[in-house]
């Protein structure tokens, strides 16, 4: 029965899913999942990753995925 099968769609992260606060040693980044509304936080010191996301007009999806993974783990 196809009605009984639940398909979970993967939603690509957007810049709006992240909150950034400048810290002395990097950025304190909080990611909130648009699906579950759970939040994860971490201090990110990787300047290249920050530059490719915050300072970009339209960050690439794979960079946002990298940032999400870095924040969550």
PDB file of N, CA and C in Angstrom:
ATOM      1  N   UNK A   1       0.823  -1.167   0.000  1.00  0.00           N
ATOM      2  CA  UNK A   1       0.000   0.000   0.000  1.00  0.00           C
ATOM      3  C   UNK A   1       0.880   1.249   0.000  1.00  0.00           C
ATOM      4  N   UNK A   2       0.805   1.979  -1.041  1.00  0.00           N
ATOM      5  CA  UNK A   2       1.627   3.170  -1.176  1.00  0.00           C
ATOM      6  C   UNK A   2       1.247   4.268  -0.186  1.00  0.00           C
ATOM      7  N   UNK A   3       0.007   4.273   0.282  1.00  0.00           N
ATOM      8  CA  UNK A   3      -0.413   5.301   1.229  1.00  0.00           C
ATOM      9  C   UNK A   3       0.298   5.152   2.578  1.00  0.00           C
ATOM     10  N   UNK A   4       0.713   3.931   2.882  1.00  0.00           N
ATOM     11  CA  UNK A   4       1.338   3.662   4.171  1.00  0.00           C
ATOM     12  C   UNK A   4       2.824   3.988   4.194  1.00  0.00           C
ATOM     13  N   UNK A   5       3.402   4.253   3.053  1.00  0.00           N
ATOM     14  CA  UNK A   5       4.830   4.554   2.988  1.00  0.00           C
ATOM     15  C   UNK A   5       5.016   6.061   3.109  1.00  0.00           C
ATOM     16  N   UNK A   6       5.795   6.458   4.088  1.00  0.00           N
ATOM     17  CA  UNK A   6       6.083   7.872   4.286  1.00  0.00           C
ATOM     18  C   UNK A   6       7.430   8.186   3.664  1.00  0.00           C
ATOM     19  N   UNK A   7       7.457   9.185   2.860  1.00  0.00           N
ATOM     20  CA  UNK A   7       8.698   9.593   2.214  1.00  0.00           C
ATOM     21  C   UNK A   7       9.160  10.874   2.878  1.00  0.00           C
ATOM     22  N   UNK A   8      10.355  10.834   3.423  1.00  0.00           N
ATOM     23  CA  UNK A   8      10.904  12.024   4.050  1.00  0.00           C
ATOM     24  C   UNK A   8      11.756  12.758   3.030  1.00  0.00           C
ATOM     25  N   UNK A   9      11.363  13.952   2.711  1.00  0.00           N
ATOM     26  CA  UNK A   9      12.109  14.742   1.747  1.00  0.00           C
ATOM     27  C   UNK A   9      13.291  15.405   2.425  1.00  0.00           C
ATOM     28  N   UNK A  10      14.352  15.507   1.690  1.00  0.00           N
ATOM     29  CA  UNK A  10      15.517  16.219   2.187  1.00  0.00           C
ATOM     30  C   UNK A  10      15.380  17.672   1.773  1.00  0.00           C
ATOM     31  N   UNK A  11      15.469  18.537   2.742  1.00  0.00           N
ATOM     32  CA  UNK A  11      15.387  19.964   2.468  1.00  0.00           C
ATOM     33  C   UNK A  11      16.797  20.523   2.536  1.00  0.00           C
ATOM     34  N   UNK A  12      17.180  21.205   1.492  1.00  0.00           N
ATOM     35  CA  UNK A  12      18.514  21.784   1.442  1.00  0.00           C
ATOM     36  C   UNK A  12      18.590  22.972   2.394  1.00  0.00           C
ATOM     37  N   UNK A  13      19.709  23.100   3.108  1.00  0.00           N
ATOM     38  CA  UNK A  13      19.831  24.230   4.033  1.00  0.00           C
ATOM     39  C   UNK A  13      19.954  25.551   3.275  1.00  0.00           C
ATOM     40  N   UNK A  14      19.442  26.587   3.888  1.00  0.00           N
ATOM     41  CA  UNK A  14      19.586  27.937   3.354  1.00  0.00           C
ATOM     42  C   UNK A  14      20.290  28.781   4.399  1.00  0.00           C
ATOM     43  N   UNK A  15      20.737  29.935   4.011  1.00  0.00           N
ATOM     44  CA  UNK A  15      21.445  30.820   4.931  1.00  0.00           C
ATOM     45  C   UNK A  15      20.536  31.260   6.084  1.00  0.00           C
ATOM     46  N   UNK A  16      19.230  31.286   5.847  1.00  0.00           N
ATOM     47  CA  UNK A  16      18.276  31.686   6.884  1.00  0.00           C
ATOM     48  C   UNK A  16      18.175  30.661   8.011  1.00  0.00           C
ATOM     49  N   UNK A  17      18.662  29.443   7.787  1.00  0.00           N
ATOM     50  CA  UNK A  17      18.644  28.402   8.821  1.00  0.00           C
ATOM     51  C   UNK A  17      19.772  28.580   9.839  1.00  0.00           C
ATOM     52  N   UNK A  18      20.673  29.504   9.584  1.00  0.00           N
ATOM     53  CA  UNK A  18      21.840  29.721  10.436  1.00  0.00           C
ATOM     54  C   UNK A  18      21.777  31.090  11.102  1.00  0.00           C
ATOM     55  N   UNK A  19      22.311  31.152  12.308  1.00  0.00           N
ATOM     56  CA  UNK A  19      22.504  32.424  13.002  1.00  0.00           C
ATOM     57  C   UNK A  19      23.983  32.513  13.347  1.00  0.00           C
ATOM     58  N   UNK A  20      24.575  33.676  13.112  1.00  0.00           N
ATOM     59  CA  UNK A  20      26.010  33.861  13.308  1.00  0.00           C
ATOM     60  C   UNK A  20      26.251  34.954  14.330  1.00  0.00           C
ATOM     61  N   UNK A  21      27.178  34.702  15.246  1.00  0.00           N
ATOM     62  CA  UNK A  21      27.640  35.721  16.190  1.00  0.00           C
ATOM     63  C   UNK A  21      29.158  35.703  16.179  1.00  0.00           C
ATOM     64  N   UNK A  22      29.724  36.853  15.957  1.00  0.00           N
ATOM     65  CA  UNK A  22      31.188  36.981  15.919  1.00  0.00           C
ATOM     66  C   UNK A  22      31.733  36.765  17.322  1.00  0.00           C
ATOM     67  N   UNK A  23      32.721  35.904  17.418  1.00  0.00           N
ATOM     68  CA  UNK A  23      33.437  35.655  18.672  1.00  0.00           C
ATOM     69  C   UNK A  23      34.895  35.988  18.432  1.00  0.00           C
ATOM     70  N   UNK A  24      35.630  36.092  19.502  1.00  0.00           N
ATOM     71  CA  UNK A  24      37.051  36.419  19.385  1.00  0.00           C
ATOM     72  C   UNK A  24      37.806  35.342  18.605  1.00  0.00           C
ATOM     73  N   UNK A  25      37.449  34.082  18.814  1.00  0.00           N
ATOM     74  CA  UNK A  25      38.183  32.985  18.180  1.00  0.00           C
ATOM     75  C   UNK A  25      37.525  32.462  16.908  1.00  0.00           C
ATOM     76  N   UNK A  26      36.421  33.051  16.470  1.00  0.00           N
ATOM     77  CA  UNK A  26      35.737  32.608  15.251  1.00  0.00           C
ATOM     78  C   UNK A  26      34.304  33.101  15.256  1.00  0.00           C
ATOM     79  N   UNK A  27      33.395  32.248  14.837  1.00  0.00           N
ATOM     80  CA  UNK A  27      31.973  32.569  14.829  1.00  0.00           C
ATOM     81  C   UNK A  27      31.208  31.514  15.614  1.00  0.00           C
ATOM     82  N   UNK A  28      30.295  31.970  16.448  1.00  0.00           N
ATOM     83  CA  UNK A  28      29.377  31.061  17.116  1.00  0.00           C
ATOM     84  C   UNK A  28      28.199  30.895  16.159  1.00  0.00           C
ATOM     85  N   UNK A  29      28.006  29.672  15.651  1.00  0.00           N
ATOM     86  CA  UNK A  29      26.993  29.410  14.634  1.00  0.00           C
ATOM     87  C   UNK A  29      25.929  28.492  15.220  1.00  0.00           C
ATOM     88  N   UNK A  30      24.678  28.866  15.008  1.00  0.00           N
ATOM     89  CA  UNK A  30      23.552  28.032  15.414  1.00  0.00           C
ATOM     90  C   UNK A  30      22.779  27.645  14.167  1.00  0.00           C
ATOM     91  N   UNK A  31      22.554  26.346  14.019  1.00  0.00           N
ATOM     92  CA  UNK A  31      21.762  25.834  12.900  1.00  0.00           C
ATOM     93  C   UNK A  31      20.448  25.315  13.451  1.00  0.00           C
ATOM     94  N   UNK A  32      19.342  25.724  12.851  1.00  0.00           N
ATOM     95  CA  UNK A  32      18.019  25.239  13.231  1.00  0.00           C
ATOM     96  C   UNK A  32      17.423  24.500  12.039  1.00  0.00           C
ATOM     97  N   UNK A  33      17.076  23.244  12.259  1.00  0.00           N
ATOM     98  CA  UNK A  33      16.502  22.432  11.199  1.00  0.00           C
ATOM     99  C   UNK A  33      15.108  22.945  10.842  1.00  0.00           C
ATOM    100  N   UNK A  34      14.844  23.193   9.555  1.00  0.00           N
ATOM    101  CA  UNK A  34      13.517  23.657   9.166  1.00  0.00           C
ATOM    102  C   UNK A  34      12.450  22.561   9.274  1.00  0.00           C
ATOM    103  N   UNK A  35      12.872  21.311   9.370  1.00  0.00           N
ATOM    104  CA  UNK A  35      11.924  20.196   9.451  1.00  0.00           C
ATOM    105  C   UNK A  35      11.561  19.889  10.901  1.00  0.00           C
ATOM    106  N   UNK A  36      12.569  19.694  11.750  1.00  0.00           N
ATOM    107  CA  UNK A  36      12.319  19.282  13.131  1.00  0.00           C
ATOM    108  C   UNK A  36      12.352  20.440  14.121  1.00  0.00           C
ATOM    109  N   UNK A  37      12.874  21.566  13.698  1.00  0.00           N
ATOM    110  CA  UNK A  37      13.047  22.758  14.536  1.00  0.00           C
ATOM    111  C   UNK A  37      14.031  22.539  15.687  1.00  0.00           C
ATOM    112  N   UNK A  38      14.854  21.494  15.598  1.00  0.00           N
ATOM    113  CA  UNK A  38      15.931  21.287  16.564  1.00  0.00           C
ATOM    114  C   UNK A  38      17.075  22.224  16.215  1.00  0.00           C
ATOM    115  N   UNK A  39      17.840  22.618  17.232  1.00  0.00           N
ATOM    116  CA  UNK A  39      18.959  23.529  17.024  1.00  0.00           C
ATOM    117  C   UNK A  39      20.254  22.911  17.511  1.00  0.00           C
ATOM    118  N   UNK A  40      21.338  23.233  16.820  1.00  0.00           N
ATOM    119  CA  UNK A  40      22.682  22.831  17.194  1.00  0.00           C
ATOM    120  C   UNK A  40      23.561  24.065  17.146  1.00  0.00           C
ATOM    121  N   UNK A  41      24.538  24.138  18.031  1.00  0.00           N
ATOM    122  CA  UNK A  41      25.448  25.281  18.068  1.00  0.00           C
ATOM    123  C   UNK A  41      26.880  24.799  18.184  1.00  0.00           C
ATOM    124  N   UNK A  42      27.777  25.599  17.630  1.00  0.00           N
ATOM    125  CA  UNK A  42      29.192  25.289  17.706  1.00  0.00           C
ATOM    126  C   UNK A  42      29.978  26.536  17.339  1.00  0.00           C
ATOM    127  N   UNK A  43      31.213  26.614  17.815  1.00  0.00           N
ATOM    128  CA  UNK A  43      32.103  27.700  17.421  1.00  0.00           C
ATOM    129  C   UNK A  43      32.906  27.224  16.221  1.00  0.00           C
ATOM    130  N   UNK A  44      32.831  27.976  15.133  1.00  0.00           N
ATOM    131  CA  UNK A  44      33.501  27.625  13.887  1.00  0.00           C
ATOM    132  C   UNK A  44      34.712  28.524  13.713  1.00  0.00           C
ATOM    133  N   UNK A  45      35.871  27.901  13.584  1.00  0.00           N
ATOM    134  CA  UNK A  45      37.118  28.649  13.417  1.00  0.00           C
ATOM    135  C   UNK A  45      37.638  28.582  11.987  1.00  0.00           C
ATOM    136  N   UNK A  46      36.998  27.791  11.146  1.00  0.00           N
ATOM    137  CA  UNK A  46      37.412  27.604   9.757  1.00  0.00           C
ATOM    138  C   UNK A  46      37.060  28.861   8.959  1.00  0.00           C
ATOM    139  N   UNK A  47      38.044  29.700   8.698  1.00  0.00           N
ATOM    140  CA  UNK A  47      37.818  30.973   8.018  1.00  0.00           C
ATOM    141  C   UNK A  47      37.333  30.793   6.583  1.00  0.00           C
ATOM    142  N   UNK A  48      37.798  29.749   5.906  1.00  0.00           N
ATOM    143  CA  UNK A  48      37.380  29.508   4.528  1.00  0.00           C
ATOM    144  C   UNK A  48      35.892  29.143   4.457  1.00  0.00           C
ATOM    145  N   UNK A  49      35.440  28.323   5.392  1.00  0.00           N
ATOM    146  CA  UNK A  49      34.037  27.933   5.420  1.00  0.00           C
ATOM    147  C   UNK A  49      33.148  29.132   5.735  1.00  0.00           C
ATOM    148  N   UNK A  50      33.565  29.947   6.671  1.00  0.00           N
ATOM    149  CA  UNK A  50      32.810  31.159   7.009  1.00  0.00           C
ATOM    150  C   UNK A  50      32.776  32.114   5.826  1.00  0.00           C
ATOM    151  N   UNK A  51      33.919  32.294   5.188  1.00  0.00           N
ATOM    152  CA  UNK A  51      34.004  33.202   4.043  1.00  0.00           C
ATOM    153  C   UNK A  51      33.098  32.730   2.909  1.00  0.00           C
ATOM    154  N   UNK A  52      33.058  31.420   2.675  1.00  0.00           N
ATOM    155  CA  UNK A  52      32.253  30.865   1.589  1.00  0.00           C
ATOM    156  C   UNK A  52      30.757  30.879   1.875  1.00  0.00           C
ATOM    157  N   UNK A  53      30.374  31.114   3.120  1.00  0.00           N
ATOM    158  CA  UNK A  53      28.945  31.136   3.448  1.00  0.00           C
ATOM    159  C   UNK A  53      28.463  32.545   3.807  1.00  0.00           C
ATOM    160  N   UNK A  54      28.995  33.125   4.854  1.00  0.00           N
ATOM    161  CA  UNK A  54      28.523  34.438   5.314  1.00  0.00           C
ATOM    162  C   UNK A  54      28.830  35.536   4.307  1.00  0.00           C
ATOM    163  N   UNK A  55      30.028  35.550   3.803  1.00  0.00           N
ATOM    164  CA  UNK A  55      30.465  36.657   2.953  1.00  0.00           C
ATOM    165  C   UNK A  55      30.065  36.489   1.491  1.00  0.00           C
ATOM    166  N   UNK A  56      29.420  35.397   1.160  1.00  0.00           N
ATOM    167  CA  UNK A  56      28.998  35.156  -0.215  1.00  0.00           C
ATOM    168  C   UNK A  56      27.581  35.698  -0.421  1.00  0.00           C
ATOM    169  N   UNK A  57      27.332  36.254  -1.588  1.00  0.00           N
ATOM    170  CA  UNK A  57      25.982  36.750  -1.890  1.00  0.00           C
ATOM    171  C   UNK A  57      24.984  35.611  -1.970  1.00  0.00           C
ATOM    172  N   UNK A  58      25.392  34.547  -2.638  1.00  0.00           N
ATOM    173  CA  UNK A  58      24.531  33.362  -2.772  1.00  0.00           C
ATOM    174  C   UNK A  58      25.398  32.132  -2.510  1.00  0.00           C
ATOM    175  N   UNK A  59      25.458  31.679  -1.255  1.00  0.00           N
ATOM    176  CA  UNK A  59      26.330  30.546  -0.935  1.00  0.00           C
ATOM    177  C   UNK A  59      25.881  29.270  -1.646  1.00  0.00           C
ATOM    178  N   UNK A  60      26.860  28.489  -2.019  1.00  0.00           N
ATOM    179  CA  UNK A  60      26.583  27.224  -2.699  1.00  0.00           C
ATOM    180  C   UNK A  60      26.009  26.226  -1.692  1.00  0.00           C
ATOM    181  N   UNK A  61      25.125  25.368  -2.176  1.00  0.00           N
ATOM    182  CA  UNK A  61      24.446  24.405  -1.307  1.00  0.00           C
ATOM    183  C   UNK A  61      25.427  23.478  -0.616  1.00  0.00           C
ATOM    184  N   UNK A  62      26.456  23.033  -1.320  1.00  0.00           N
ATOM    185  CA  UNK A  62      27.396  22.100  -0.683  1.00  0.00           C
ATOM    186  C   UNK A  62      28.191  22.787   0.429  1.00  0.00           C
ATOM    187  N   UNK A  63      28.421  24.091   0.334  1.00  0.00           N
ATOM    188  CA  UNK A  63      29.097  24.814   1.422  1.00  0.00           C
ATOM    189  C   UNK A  63      28.183  24.917   2.645  1.00  0.00           C
ATOM    190  N   UNK A  64      26.898  25.148   2.415  1.00  0.00           N
ATOM    191  CA  UNK A  64      25.950  25.185   3.522  1.00  0.00           C
ATOM    192  C   UNK A  64      25.809  23.815   4.174  1.00  0.00           C
ATOM    193  N   UNK A  65      25.862  22.772   3.374  1.00  0.00           N
ATOM    194  CA  UNK A  65      25.845  21.409   3.918  1.00  0.00           C
ATOM    195  C   UNK A  65      27.091  21.160   4.772  1.00  0.00           C
ATOM    196  N   UNK A  66      28.249  21.623   4.303  1.00  0.00           N
ATOM    197  CA  UNK A  66      29.490  21.498   5.072  1.00  0.00           C
ATOM    198  C   UNK A  66      29.368  22.226   6.404  1.00  0.00           C
ATOM    199  N   UNK A  67      28.818  23.427   6.360  1.00  0.00           N
ATOM    200  CA  UNK A  67      28.651  24.211   7.586  1.00  0.00           C
ATOM    201  C   UNK A  67      27.690  23.517   8.535  1.00  0.00           C
ATOM    202  N   UNK A  68      26.609  22.992   8.006  1.00  0.00           N
ATOM    203  CA  UNK A  68      25.632  22.277   8.832  1.00  0.00           C
ATOM    204  C   UNK A  68      26.281  21.075   9.520  1.00  0.00           C
ATOM    205  N   UNK A  69      27.049  20.294   8.756  1.00  0.00           N
ATOM    206  CA  UNK A  69      27.739  19.137   9.330  1.00  0.00           C
ATOM    207  C   UNK A  69      28.728  19.562  10.406  1.00  0.00           C
ATOM    208  N   UNK A  70      29.448  20.649  10.147  1.00  0.00           N
ATOM    209  CA  UNK A  70      30.440  21.123  11.111  1.00  0.00           C
ATOM    210  C   UNK A  70      29.762  21.574  12.404  1.00  0.00           C
ATOM    211  N   UNK A  71      28.639  22.228  12.295  1.00  0.00           N
ATOM    212  CA  UNK A  71      27.924  22.693  13.485  1.00  0.00           C
ATOM    213  C   UNK A  71      27.357  21.518  14.267  1.00  0.00           C
ATOM    214  N   UNK A  72      26.802  20.549  13.564  1.00  0.00           N
ATOM    215  CA  UNK A  72      26.139  19.431  14.239  1.00  0.00           C
ATOM    216  C   UNK A  72      27.107  18.450  14.881  1.00  0.00           C
ATOM    217  N   UNK A  73      28.325  18.318  14.340  1.00  0.00           N
ATOM    218  CA  UNK A  73      29.233  17.292  14.871  1.00  0.00           C
ATOM    219  C   UNK A  73      30.517  17.840  15.354  1.00  0.00           C
TER     220      UNK A  73
END
